[in-house]
Amino acid sequence: QVQLVESGGGLVQPGGSLRLSCATSGFSFTSYFMSWYRQAPGKEREWVAVMSATGGMRNYADSVKGRFTISRDNAKNTLYLQMNSLKPDDTAVYYCNAHGGKWSWGQGTQVAVSS
């Protein structure tokens, strides 16, 4: 059974930083490109960042490029998202999944950026 467990969210002021984690189990983590997604209130879920299985390729949505960094620890089957220079528009529930959303979504982790 695939499990995706996101954590690390919280309330932060504009300009602040957070590091999200996604602990995975139930599938071969090292075989998949992995992505972060987010869903803001009243909006569709959107893709944020992707990383290849071995880490050689990373790509980002234009809205987060230069501020967010995706990484992974294949020994721990865990995906990370370092978020710097946070803006109010980054407020959303953040999810991880295989790129393309192959698995059932986890519960996500709430990020709120507000002064």
PDB file of N, CA and C in Angstrom:
ATOM      1  N   GLN A   1       0.846  -1.185   0.000  1.00  0.00           N
ATOM      2  CA  GLN A   1       0.000   0.000   0.000  1.00  0.00           C
ATOM      3  C   GLN A   1       0.888   1.244   0.000  1.00  0.00           C
ATOM      4  N   VAL A   2       0.663   2.096  -0.986  1.00  0.00           N
ATOM      5  CA  VAL A   2       1.457   3.314  -1.104  1.00  0.00           C
ATOM      6  C   VAL A   2       1.034   4.322  -0.039  1.00  0.00           C
ATOM      7  N   GLN A   3       2.034   4.897   0.617  1.00  0.00           N
ATOM      8  CA  GLN A   3       1.761   5.970   1.567  1.00  0.00           C
ATOM      9  C   GLN A   3       2.656   7.163   1.259  1.00  0.00           C
ATOM     10  N   LEU A   4       2.054   8.336   1.265  1.00  0.00           N
ATOM     11  CA  LEU A   4       2.749   9.605   1.070  1.00  0.00           C
ATOM     12  C   LEU A   4       2.392  10.475   2.262  1.00  0.00           C
ATOM     13  N   VAL A   5       3.374  10.811   3.093  1.00  0.00           N
ATOM     14  CA  VAL A   5       3.109  11.556   4.311  1.00  0.00           C
ATOM     15  C   VAL A   5       3.925  12.841   4.307  1.00  0.00           C
ATOM     16  N   GLU A   6       3.228  13.942   4.059  1.00  0.00           N
ATOM     17  CA  GLU A   6       3.877  15.255   4.004  1.00  0.00           C
ATOM     18  C   GLU A   6       3.917  15.896   5.382  1.00  0.00           C
ATOM     19  N   SER A   7       4.954  16.662   5.649  1.00  0.00           N
ATOM     20  CA  SER A   7       5.092  17.358   6.928  1.00  0.00           C
ATOM     21  C   SER A   7       5.982  18.580   6.754  1.00  0.00           C
ATOM     22  N   GLY A   8       6.009  19.436   7.772  1.00  0.00           N
ATOM     23  CA  GLY A   8       6.901  20.583   7.768  1.00  0.00           C
ATOM     24  C   GLY A   8       6.247  21.918   7.499  1.00  0.00           C
ATOM     25  N   GLY A   9       4.961  21.916   7.195  1.00  0.00           N
ATOM     26  CA  GLY A   9       4.266  23.162   6.933  1.00  0.00           C
ATOM     27  C   GLY A   9       4.063  23.978   8.197  1.00  0.00           C
ATOM     28  N   GLY A  10       3.513  25.168   8.011  1.00  0.00           N
ATOM     29  CA  GLY A  10       3.252  26.041   9.148  1.00  0.00           C
ATOM     30  C   GLY A  10       2.943  27.446   8.707  1.00  0.00           C
ATOM     31  N   LEU A  11       2.873  28.329   9.683  1.00  0.00           N
ATOM     32  CA  LEU A  11       2.625  29.749   9.426  1.00  0.00           C
ATOM     33  C   LEU A  11       3.963  30.477   9.440  1.00  0.00           C
ATOM     34  N   VAL A  12       4.227  31.247   8.407  1.00  0.00           N
ATOM     35  CA  VAL A  12       5.490  31.967   8.300  1.00  0.00           C
ATOM     36  C   VAL A  12       5.230  33.352   7.722  1.00  0.00           C
ATOM     37  N   GLN A  13       6.070  34.309   8.100  1.00  0.00           N
ATOM     38  CA  GLN A  13       5.926  35.655   7.574  1.00  0.00           C
ATOM     39  C   GLN A  13       6.498  35.747   6.158  1.00  0.00           C
ATOM     40  N   PRO A  14       6.026  36.695   5.381  1.00  0.00           N
ATOM     41  CA  PRO A  14       6.619  36.898   4.046  1.00  0.00           C
ATOM     42  C   PRO A  14       8.131  37.072   4.145  1.00  0.00           C
ATOM     43  N   GLY A  15       8.838  36.415   3.230  1.00  0.00           N
ATOM     44  CA  GLY A  15      10.291  36.434   3.258  1.00  0.00           C
ATOM     45  C   GLY A  15      10.907  35.305   4.050  1.00  0.00           C
ATOM     46  N   GLY A  16      10.101  34.566   4.768  1.00  0.00           N
ATOM     47  CA  GLY A  16      10.590  33.467   5.582  1.00  0.00           C
ATOM     48  C   GLY A  16      10.839  32.197   4.798  1.00  0.00           C
ATOM     49  N   SER A  17      11.231  31.157   5.530  1.00  0.00           N
ATOM     50  CA  SER A  17      11.578  29.881   4.917  1.00  0.00           C
ATOM     51  C   SER A  17      10.898  28.723   5.641  1.00  0.00           C
ATOM     52  N   LEU A  18      10.671  27.664   4.907  1.00  0.00           N
ATOM     53  CA  LEU A  18      10.194  26.403   5.445  1.00  0.00           C
ATOM     54  C   LEU A  18      10.830  25.272   4.653  1.00  0.00           C
ATOM     55  N   ARG A  19      10.974  24.113   5.309  1.00  0.00           N
ATOM     56  CA  ARG A  19      11.430  22.908   4.631  1.00  0.00           C
ATOM     57  C   ARG A  19      10.379  21.826   4.806  1.00  0.00           C
ATOM     58  N   LEU A  20       9.820  21.396   3.688  1.00  0.00           N
ATOM     59  CA  LEU A  20       8.823  20.344   3.704  1.00  0.00           C
ATOM     60  C   LEU A  20       9.483  18.993   3.476  1.00  0.00           C
ATOM     61  N   SER A  21       8.891  17.966   4.063  1.00  0.00           N
ATOM     62  CA  SER A  21       9.347  16.593   3.867  1.00  0.00           C
ATOM     63  C   SER A  21       8.184  15.731   3.414  1.00  0.00           C
ATOM     64  N   CYS A  22       8.496  14.700   2.664  1.00  0.00           N
ATOM     65  CA  CYS A  22       7.485  13.735   2.227  1.00  0.00           C
ATOM     66  C   CYS A  22       8.077  12.344   2.410  1.00  0.00           C
ATOM     67  N   ALA A  23       7.603  11.639   3.421  1.00  0.00           N
ATOM     68  CA  ALA A  23       8.049  10.273   3.666  1.00  0.00           C
ATOM     69  C   ALA A  23       7.177   9.331   2.866  1.00  0.00           C
ATOM     70  N   THR A  24       7.814   8.440   2.112  1.00  0.00           N
ATOM     71  CA  THR A  24       7.053   7.551   1.242  1.00  0.00           C
ATOM     72  C   THR A  24       7.311   6.087   1.597  1.00  0.00           C
ATOM     73  N   SER A  25       6.355   5.243   1.240  1.00  0.00           N
ATOM     74  CA  SER A  25       6.514   3.805   1.414  1.00  0.00           C
ATOM     75  C   SER A  25       5.546   3.092   0.485  1.00  0.00           C
ATOM     76  N   GLY A  26       5.814   1.806   0.242  1.00  0.00           N
ATOM     77  CA  GLY A  26       4.898   0.995  -0.538  1.00  0.00           C
ATOM     78  C   GLY A  26       5.168   0.942  -2.023  1.00  0.00           C
ATOM     79  N   PHE A  27       6.209   1.617  -2.487  1.00  0.00           N
ATOM     80  CA  PHE A  27       6.584   1.544  -3.899  1.00  0.00           C
ATOM     81  C   PHE A  27       8.078   1.770  -4.002  1.00  0.00           C
ATOM     82  N   SER A  28       8.597   1.526  -5.190  1.00  0.00           N
ATOM     83  CA  SER A  28      10.033   1.661  -5.413  1.00  0.00           C
ATOM     84  C   SER A  28      10.370   3.116  -5.669  1.00  0.00           C
ATOM     85  N   PHE A  29      10.656   3.842  -4.584  1.00  0.00           N
ATOM     86  CA  PHE A  29      10.885   5.290  -4.640  1.00  0.00           C
ATOM     87  C   PHE A  29      11.969   5.644  -5.657  1.00  0.00           C
ATOM     88  N   THR A  30      13.004   4.836  -5.708  1.00  0.00           N
ATOM     89  CA  THR A  30      14.140   5.161  -6.571  1.00  0.00           C
ATOM     90  C   THR A  30      13.852   4.954  -8.055  1.00  0.00           C
ATOM     91  N   SER A  31      12.676   4.445  -8.376  1.00  0.00           N
ATOM     92  CA  SER A  31      12.313   4.217  -9.779  1.00  0.00           C
ATOM     93  C   SER A  31      11.521   5.365 -10.387  1.00  0.00           C
ATOM     94  N   TYR A  32      11.159   6.344  -9.570  1.00  0.00           N
ATOM     95  CA  TYR A  32      10.224   7.363 -10.031  1.00  0.00           C
ATOM     96  C   TYR A  32      10.773   8.787  -9.960  1.00  0.00           C
ATOM     97  N   PHE A  33      10.448   9.572 -11.010  1.00  0.00           N
ATOM     98  CA  PHE A  33      10.514  11.016 -10.880  1.00  0.00           C
ATOM     99  C   PHE A  33       9.481  11.387  -9.806  1.00  0.00           C
ATOM    100  N   MET A  34       9.838  12.304  -8.939  1.00  0.00           N
ATOM    101  CA  MET A  34       8.933  12.729  -7.879  1.00  0.00           C
ATOM    102  C   MET A  34       8.695  14.232  -7.963  1.00  0.00           C
ATOM    103  N   SER A  35       7.476  14.635  -7.630  1.00  0.00           N
ATOM    104  CA  SER A  35       7.094  16.043  -7.721  1.00  0.00           C
ATOM    105  C   SER A  35       6.428  16.544  -6.456  1.00  0.00           C
ATOM    106  N   TRP A  36       6.497  17.836  -6.288  1.00  0.00           N
ATOM    107  CA  TRP A  36       5.673  18.553  -5.322  1.00  0.00           C
ATOM    108  C   TRP A  36       4.568  19.279  -6.088  1.00  0.00           C
ATOM    109  N   TYR A  37       3.404  19.309  -5.473  1.00  0.00           N
ATOM    110  CA  TYR A  37       2.244  20.019  -5.990  1.00  0.00           C
ATOM    111  C   TYR A  37       1.687  20.880  -4.860  1.00  0.00           C
ATOM    112  N   ARG A  38       0.823  21.821  -5.215  1.00  0.00           N
ATOM    113  CA  ARG A  38       0.152  22.608  -4.181  1.00  0.00           C
ATOM    114  C   ARG A  38      -1.247  22.989  -4.653  1.00  0.00           C
ATOM    115  N   GLN A  39      -2.101  23.222  -3.674  1.00  0.00           N
ATOM    116  CA  GLN A  39      -3.468  23.638  -3.965  1.00  0.00           C
ATOM    117  C   GLN A  39      -3.843  24.759  -3.019  1.00  0.00           C
ATOM    118  N   ALA A  40      -4.052  25.926  -3.604  1.00  0.00           N
ATOM    119  CA  ALA A  40      -4.475  27.092  -2.845  1.00  0.00           C
ATOM    120  C   ALA A  40      -5.995  27.072  -2.711  1.00  0.00           C
ATOM    121  N   PRO A  41      -6.521  27.761  -1.708  1.00  0.00           N
ATOM    122  CA  PRO A  41      -7.980  27.788  -1.511  1.00  0.00           C
ATOM    123  C   PRO A  41      -8.703  28.254  -2.774  1.00  0.00           C
ATOM    124  N   GLY A  42      -9.685  27.488  -3.207  1.00  0.00           N
ATOM    125  CA  GLY A  42     -10.490  27.863  -4.354  1.00  0.00           C
ATOM    126  C   GLY A  42      -9.833  27.678  -5.702  1.00  0.00           C
ATOM    127  N   LYS A  43      -8.650  27.053  -5.712  1.00  0.00           N
ATOM    128  CA  LYS A  43      -7.925  26.873  -6.979  1.00  0.00           C
ATOM    129  C   LYS A  43      -7.651  25.396  -7.242  1.00  0.00           C
ATOM    130  N   GLU A  44      -7.293  25.101  -8.489  1.00  0.00           N
ATOM    131  CA  GLU A  44      -6.917  23.744  -8.859  1.00  0.00           C
ATOM    132  C   GLU A  44      -5.537  23.417  -8.290  1.00  0.00           C
ATOM    133  N   ARG A  45      -5.308  22.128  -8.083  1.00  0.00           N
ATOM    134  CA  ARG A  45      -3.968  21.704  -7.684  1.00  0.00           C
ATOM    135  C   ARG A  45      -2.996  21.999  -8.827  1.00  0.00           C
ATOM    136  N   GLU A  46      -1.806  22.509  -8.497  1.00  0.00           N
ATOM    137  CA  GLU A  46      -0.825  22.837  -9.519  1.00  0.00           C
ATOM    138  C   GLU A  46       0.510  22.194  -9.200  1.00  0.00           C
ATOM    139  N   TRP A  47       1.247  21.906 -10.247  1.00  0.00           N
ATOM    140  CA  TRP A  47       2.577  21.333 -10.098  1.00  0.00           C
ATOM    141  C   TRP A  47       3.566  22.427  -9.684  1.00  0.00           C
ATOM    142  N   VAL A  48       4.510  22.084  -8.807  1.00  0.00           N
ATOM    143  CA  VAL A  48       5.476  23.047  -8.294  1.00  0.00           C
ATOM    144  C   VAL A  48       6.904  22.713  -8.733  1.00  0.00           C
ATOM    145  N   ALA A  49       7.310  21.443  -8.558  1.00  0.00           N
ATOM    146  CA  ALA A  49       8.700  21.077  -8.846  1.00  0.00           C
ATOM    147  C   ALA A  49       8.789  19.575  -9.077  1.00  0.00           C
ATOM    148  N   VAL A  50       9.767  19.163  -9.867  1.00  0.00           N
ATOM    149  CA  VAL A  50      10.007  17.751 -10.162  1.00  0.00           C
ATOM    150  C   VAL A  50      11.493  17.447 -10.051  1.00  0.00           C
ATOM    151  N   MET A  51      11.787  16.214  -9.643  1.00  0.00           N
ATOM    152  CA  MET A  51      13.165  15.759  -9.576  1.00  0.00           C
ATOM    153  C   MET A  51      13.243  14.349 -10.138  1.00  0.00           C
ATOM    154  N   SER A  52      14.260  14.087 -10.933  1.00  0.00           N
ATOM    155  CA  SER A  52      14.416  12.763 -11.520  1.00  0.00           C
ATOM    156  C   SER A  52      14.785  11.738 -10.449  1.00  0.00           C
ATOM    157  N   ALA A  53      14.698  10.476 -10.830  1.00  0.00           N
ATOM    158  CA  ALA A  53      14.901   9.391  -9.876  1.00  0.00           C
ATOM    159  C   ALA A  53      16.286   9.427  -9.232  1.00  0.00           C
ATOM    160  N   THR A  54      17.294   9.750 -10.011  1.00  0.00           N
ATOM    161  CA  THR A  54      18.657   9.771  -9.486  1.00  0.00           C
ATOM    162  C   THR A  54      19.122  11.165  -9.108  1.00  0.00           C
ATOM    163  N   GLY A  55      18.255  12.156  -9.318  1.00  0.00           N
ATOM    164  CA  GLY A  55      18.585  13.509  -8.890  1.00  0.00           C
ATOM    165  C   GLY A  55      19.308  14.357  -9.907  1.00  0.00           C
ATOM    166  N   GLY A  56      19.503  13.831 -11.117  1.00  0.00           N
ATOM    167  CA  GLY A  56      20.252  14.589 -12.102  1.00  0.00           C
ATOM    168  C   GLY A  56      19.468  15.692 -12.774  1.00  0.00           C
ATOM    169  N   MET A  57      18.171  15.678 -12.664  1.00  0.00           N
ATOM    170  CA  MET A  57      17.331  16.693 -13.294  1.00  0.00           C
ATOM    171  C   MET A  57      16.350  17.249 -12.275  1.00  0.00           C
ATOM    172  N   ARG A  58      16.235  18.560 -12.265  1.00  0.00           N
ATOM    173  CA  ARG A  58      15.237  19.246 -11.459  1.00  0.00           C
ATOM    174  C   ARG A  58      14.600  20.305 -12.341  1.00  0.00           C
ATOM    175  N   ASN A  59      13.310  20.537 -12.140  1.00  0.00           N
ATOM    176  CA  ASN A  59      12.635  21.592 -12.862  1.00  0.00           C
ATOM    177  C   ASN A  59      11.574  22.203 -11.951  1.00  0.00           C
ATOM    178  N   TYR A  60      11.272  23.467 -12.197  1.00  0.00           N
ATOM    179  CA  TYR A  60      10.395  24.213 -11.308  1.00  0.00           C
ATOM    180  C   TYR A  60       9.371  25.004 -12.089  1.00  0.00           C
ATOM    181  N   ALA A  61       8.223  25.217 -11.474  1.00  0.00           N
ATOM    182  CA  ALA A  61       7.259  26.162 -12.012  1.00  0.00           C
ATOM    183  C   ALA A  61       7.879  27.559 -11.976  1.00  0.00           C
ATOM    184  N   ASP A  62       7.526  28.373 -12.952  1.00  0.00           N
ATOM    185  CA  ASP A  62       8.092  29.722 -13.015  1.00  0.00           C
ATOM    186  C   ASP A  62       7.837  30.509 -11.734  1.00  0.00           C
ATOM    187  N   SER A  63       6.717  30.254 -11.090  1.00  0.00           N
ATOM    188  CA  SER A  63       6.328  31.031  -9.911  1.00  0.00           C
ATOM    189  C   SER A  63       7.241  30.777  -8.711  1.00  0.00           C
ATOM    190  N   VAL A  64       7.984  29.669  -8.703  1.00  0.00           N
ATOM    191  CA  VAL A  64       8.837  29.344  -7.558  1.00  0.00           C
ATOM    192  C   VAL A  64      10.312  29.264  -7.932  1.00  0.00           C
ATOM    193  N   LYS A  65      10.624  29.384  -9.198  1.00  0.00           N
ATOM    194  CA  LYS A  65      12.003  29.241  -9.664  1.00  0.00           C
ATOM    195  C   LYS A  65      12.905  30.254  -8.976  1.00  0.00           C
ATOM    196  N   GLY A  66      14.031  29.786  -8.474  1.00  0.00           N
ATOM    197  CA  GLY A  66      14.966  30.661  -7.775  1.00  0.00           C
ATOM    198  C   GLY A  66      14.697  30.810  -6.296  1.00  0.00           C
ATOM    199  N   ARG A  67      13.533  30.327  -5.839  1.00  0.00           N
ATOM    200  CA  ARG A  67      13.189  30.436  -4.414  1.00  0.00           C
ATOM    201  C   ARG A  67      13.048  29.069  -3.748  1.00  0.00           C
ATOM    202  N   PHE A  68      12.592  28.075  -4.504  1.00  0.00           N
ATOM    203  CA  PHE A  68      12.363  26.730  -3.966  1.00  0.00           C
ATOM    204  C   PHE A  68      13.423  25.775  -4.507  1.00  0.00           C
ATOM    205  N   THR A  69      13.785  24.787  -3.686  1.00  0.00           N
ATOM    206  CA  THR A  69      14.722  23.742  -4.106  1.00  0.00           C
ATOM    207  C   THR A  69      14.170  22.377  -3.729  1.00  0.00           C
ATOM    208  N   ILE A  70      14.024  21.520  -4.729  1.00  0.00           N
ATOM    209  CA  ILE A  70      13.575  20.148  -4.484  1.00  0.00           C
ATOM    210  C   ILE A  70      14.794  19.254  -4.318  1.00  0.00           C
ATOM    211  N   SER A  71      14.685  18.296  -3.404  1.00  0.00           N
ATOM    212  CA  SER A  71      15.766  17.330  -3.211  1.00  0.00           C
ATOM    213  C   SER A  71      15.161  16.015  -2.738  1.00  0.00           C
ATOM    214  N   ARG A  72      15.990  14.977  -2.731  1.00  0.00           N
ATOM    215  CA  ARG A  72      15.493  13.678  -2.295  1.00  0.00           C
ATOM    216  C   ARG A  72      16.626  12.896  -1.645  1.00  0.00           C
ATOM    217  N   ASP A  73      16.237  12.023  -0.722  1.00  0.00           N
ATOM    218  CA  ASP A  73      17.170  11.094  -0.092  1.00  0.00           C
ATOM    219  C   ASP A  73      16.660   9.700  -0.421  1.00  0.00           C
ATOM    220  N   ASN A  74      17.263   9.061  -1.407  1.00  0.00           N
ATOM    221  CA  ASN A  74      16.780   7.754  -1.854  1.00  0.00           C
ATOM    222  C   ASN A  74      17.004   6.666  -0.805  1.00  0.00           C
ATOM    223  N   ALA A  75      17.957   6.850   0.079  1.00  0.00           N
ATOM    224  CA  ALA A  75      18.177   5.878   1.151  1.00  0.00           C
ATOM    225  C   ALA A  75      17.037   5.911   2.167  1.00  0.00           C
ATOM    226  N   LYS A  76      16.388   7.066   2.281  1.00  0.00           N
ATOM    227  CA  LYS A  76      15.299   7.230   3.243  1.00  0.00           C
ATOM    228  C   LYS A  76      13.933   7.284   2.576  1.00  0.00           C
ATOM    229  N   ASN A  77      13.894   7.115   1.248  1.00  0.00           N
ATOM    230  CA  ASN A  77      12.623   7.192   0.504  1.00  0.00           C
ATOM    231  C   ASN A  77      11.861   8.471   0.823  1.00  0.00           C
ATOM    232  N   THR A  78      12.584   9.567   0.887  1.00  0.00           N
ATOM    233  CA  THR A  78      12.004  10.828   1.311  1.00  0.00           C
ATOM    234  C   THR A  78      12.309  11.940   0.313  1.00  0.00           C
ATOM    235  N   LEU A  79      11.310  12.760   0.064  1.00  0.00           N
ATOM    236  CA  LEU A  79      11.404  13.912  -0.826  1.00  0.00           C
ATOM    237  C   LEU A  79      11.333  15.176   0.030  1.00  0.00           C
ATOM    238  N   TYR A  80      12.063  16.210  -0.396  1.00  0.00           N
ATOM    239  CA  TYR A  80      12.096  17.466   0.352  1.00  0.00           C
ATOM    240  C   TYR A  80      11.790  18.650  -0.560  1.00  0.00           C
ATOM    241  N   LEU A  81      11.326  19.740   0.067  1.00  0.00           N
ATOM    242  CA  LEU A  81      11.169  20.997  -0.646  1.00  0.00           C
ATOM    243  C   LEU A  81      11.612  22.121   0.285  1.00  0.00           C
ATOM    244  N   GLN A  82      12.733  22.735  -0.038  1.00  0.00           N
ATOM    245  CA  GLN A  82      13.199  23.907   0.694  1.00  0.00           C
ATOM    246  C   GLN A  82      12.581  25.138   0.054  1.00  0.00           C
ATOM    247  N   MET A  83      11.861  25.902   0.852  1.00  0.00           N
ATOM    248  CA  MET A  83      11.150  27.066   0.341  1.00  0.00           C
ATOM    249  C   MET A  83      11.704  28.314   1.023  1.00  0.00           C
ATOM    250  N   ASN A  84      12.277  29.198   0.236  1.00  0.00           N
ATOM    251  CA  ASN A  84      12.841  30.449   0.737  1.00  0.00           C
ATOM    252  C   ASN A  84      12.086  31.630   0.133  1.00  0.00           C
ATOM    253  N   SER A  85      12.275  32.796   0.734  1.00  0.00           N
ATOM    254  CA  SER A  85      11.648  34.027   0.229  1.00  0.00           C
ATOM    255  C   SER A  85      10.157  33.822  -0.018  1.00  0.00           C
ATOM    256  N   LEU A  86       9.491  33.249   0.948  1.00  0.00           N
ATOM    257  CA  LEU A  86       8.078  32.915   0.781  1.00  0.00           C
ATOM    258  C   LEU A  86       7.224  34.165   0.625  1.00  0.00           C
ATOM    259  N   LYS A  87       6.188  34.009  -0.199  1.00  0.00           N
ATOM    260  CA  LYS A  87       5.252  35.090  -0.501  1.00  0.00           C
ATOM    261  C   LYS A  87       3.846  34.659  -0.091  1.00  0.00           C
ATOM    262  N   PRO A  88       2.947  35.612   0.123  1.00  0.00           N
ATOM    263  CA  PRO A  88       1.556  35.236   0.436  1.00  0.00           C
ATOM    264  C   PRO A  88       0.938  34.322  -0.636  1.00  0.00           C
ATOM    265  N   ASP A  89       1.318  34.492  -1.887  1.00  0.00           N
ATOM    266  CA  ASP A  89       0.791  33.651  -2.969  1.00  0.00           C
ATOM    267  C   ASP A  89       1.249  32.196  -2.861  1.00  0.00           C
ATOM    268  N   ASP A  90       2.224  31.914  -2.002  1.00  0.00           N
ATOM    269  CA  ASP A  90       2.663  30.532  -1.790  1.00  0.00           C
ATOM    270  C   ASP A  90       1.760  29.795  -0.806  1.00  0.00           C
ATOM    271  N   THR A  91       0.816  30.497  -0.205  1.00  0.00           N
ATOM    272  CA  THR A  91      -0.115  29.872   0.734  1.00  0.00           C
ATOM    273  C   THR A  91      -0.933  28.792   0.035  1.00  0.00           C
ATOM    274  N   ALA A  92      -0.851  27.567   0.554  1.00  0.00           N
ATOM    275  CA  ALA A  92      -1.516  26.429  -0.081  1.00  0.00           C
ATOM    276  C   ALA A  92      -1.281  25.182   0.770  1.00  0.00           C
ATOM    277  N   VAL A  93      -1.986  24.121   0.421  1.00  0.00           N
ATOM    278  CA  VAL A  93      -1.655  22.802   0.937  1.00  0.00           C
ATOM    279  C   VAL A  93      -0.699  22.165  -0.065  1.00  0.00           C
ATOM    280  N   TYR A  94       0.420  21.675   0.434  1.00  0.00           N
ATOM    281  CA  TYR A  94       1.466  21.102  -0.412  1.00  0.00           C
ATOM    282  C   TYR A  94       1.427  19.571  -0.333  1.00  0.00           C
ATOM    283  N   TYR A  95       1.562  18.953  -1.504  1.00  0.00           N
ATOM    284  CA  TYR A  95       1.498  17.497  -1.636  1.00  0.00           C
ATOM    285  C   TYR A  95       2.711  17.004  -2.423  1.00  0.00           C
ATOM    286  N   CYS A  96       3.108  15.776  -2.159  1.00  0.00           N
ATOM    287  CA  CYS A  96       4.094  15.130  -3.010  1.00  0.00           C
ATOM    288  C   CYS A  96       3.424  13.946  -3.708  1.00  0.00           C
ATOM    289  N   ASN A  97       4.012  13.528  -4.821  1.00  0.00           N
ATOM    290  CA  ASN A  97       3.506  12.378  -5.559  1.00  0.00           C
ATOM    291  C   ASN A  97       4.519  12.024  -6.634  1.00  0.00           C
ATOM    292  N   ALA A  98       4.413  10.848  -7.178  1.00  0.00           N
ATOM    293  CA  ALA A  98       5.153  10.554  -8.387  1.00  0.00           C
ATOM    294  C   ALA A  98       4.726  11.572  -9.444  1.00  0.00           C
ATOM    295  N   HIS A  99       5.667  11.965 -10.296  1.00  0.00           N
ATOM    296  CA  HIS A  99       5.353  12.991 -11.290  1.00  0.00           C
ATOM    297  C   HIS A  99       4.182  12.534 -12.155  1.00  0.00           C
ATOM    298  N   GLY A 100       3.177  13.388 -12.252  1.00  0.00           N
ATOM    299  CA  GLY A 100       1.960  13.023 -12.961  1.00  0.00           C
ATOM    300  C   GLY A 100       0.850  12.579 -12.035  1.00  0.00           C
ATOM    301  N   GLY A 101       1.162  12.427 -10.762  1.00  0.00           N
ATOM    302  CA  GLY A 101       0.124  12.079  -9.797  1.00  0.00           C
ATOM    303  C   GLY A 101      -0.331  10.642  -9.865  1.00  0.00           C
ATOM    304  N   LYS A 102       0.599   9.724  -9.943  1.00  0.00           N
ATOM    305  CA  LYS A 102       0.268   8.311 -10.112  1.00  0.00           C
ATOM    306  C   LYS A 102      -0.475   7.726  -8.910  1.00  0.00           C
ATOM    307  N   TRP A 103      -0.059   8.135  -7.713  1.00  0.00           N
ATOM    308  CA  TRP A 103      -0.607   7.516  -6.507  1.00  0.00           C
ATOM    309  C   TRP A 103      -1.744   8.333  -5.919  1.00  0.00           C
ATOM    310  N   SER A 104      -2.519   7.736  -5.029  1.00  0.00           N
ATOM    311  CA  SER A 104      -3.537   8.470  -4.287  1.00  0.00           C
ATOM    312  C   SER A 104      -2.855   9.548  -3.444  1.00  0.00           C
ATOM    313  N   TRP A 105      -3.474  10.680  -3.363  1.00  0.00           N
ATOM    314  CA  TRP A 105      -2.868  11.820  -2.671  1.00  0.00           C
ATOM    315  C   TRP A 105      -2.852  11.612  -1.158  1.00  0.00           C
ATOM    316  N   GLY A 106      -1.792  12.097  -0.514  1.00  0.00           N
ATOM    317  CA  GLY A 106      -1.728  12.101   0.934  1.00  0.00           C
ATOM    318  C   GLY A 106      -2.555  13.234   1.502  1.00  0.00           C
ATOM    319  N   GLN A 107      -2.360  13.488   2.786  1.00  0.00           N
ATOM    320  CA  GLN A 107      -3.157  14.534   3.439  1.00  0.00           C
ATOM    321  C   GLN A 107      -2.597  15.928   3.195  1.00  0.00           C
ATOM    322  N   GLY A 108      -1.376  15.995   2.718  1.00  0.00           N
ATOM    323  CA  GLY A 108      -0.750  17.293   2.465  1.00  0.00           C
ATOM    324  C   GLY A 108      -0.294  17.974   3.741  1.00  0.00           C
ATOM    325  N   THR A 109       0.426  19.073   3.555  1.00  0.00           N
ATOM    326  CA  THR A 109       0.860  19.890   4.687  1.00  0.00           C
ATOM    327  C   THR A 109       0.557  21.346   4.368  1.00  0.00           C
ATOM    328  N   GLN A 110      -0.065  22.038   5.304  1.00  0.00           N
ATOM    329  CA  GLN A 110      -0.538  23.405   5.081  1.00  0.00           C
ATOM    330  C   GLN A 110       0.599  24.395   5.254  1.00  0.00           C
ATOM    331  N   VAL A 111       0.760  25.263   4.290  1.00  0.00           N
ATOM    332  CA  VAL A 111       1.705  26.378   4.371  1.00  0.00           C
ATOM    333  C   VAL A 111       0.905  27.671   4.290  1.00  0.00           C
ATOM    334  N   ALA A 112       1.091  28.527   5.267  1.00  0.00           N
ATOM    335  CA  ALA A 112       0.416  29.820   5.292  1.00  0.00           C
ATOM    336  C   ALA A 112       1.470  30.913   5.413  1.00  0.00           C
ATOM    337  N   VAL A 113       1.452  31.846   4.478  1.00  0.00           N
ATOM    338  CA  VAL A 113       2.415  32.949   4.471  1.00  0.00           C
ATOM    339  C   VAL A 113       1.642  34.232   4.707  1.00  0.00           C
ATOM    340  N   SER A 114       1.861  34.826   5.858  1.00  0.00           N
ATOM    341  CA  SER A 114       1.091  36.003   6.222  1.00  0.00           C
ATOM    342  C   SER A 114       1.824  36.786   7.299  1.00  0.00           C
ATOM    343  N   SER A 115       1.637  38.100   7.257  1.00  0.00           N
ATOM    344  CA  SER A 115       2.220  38.948   8.288  1.00  0.00           C
ATOM    345  C   SER A 115       1.206  39.183   9.407  1.00  0.00           C
TER     346      SER A 115
END
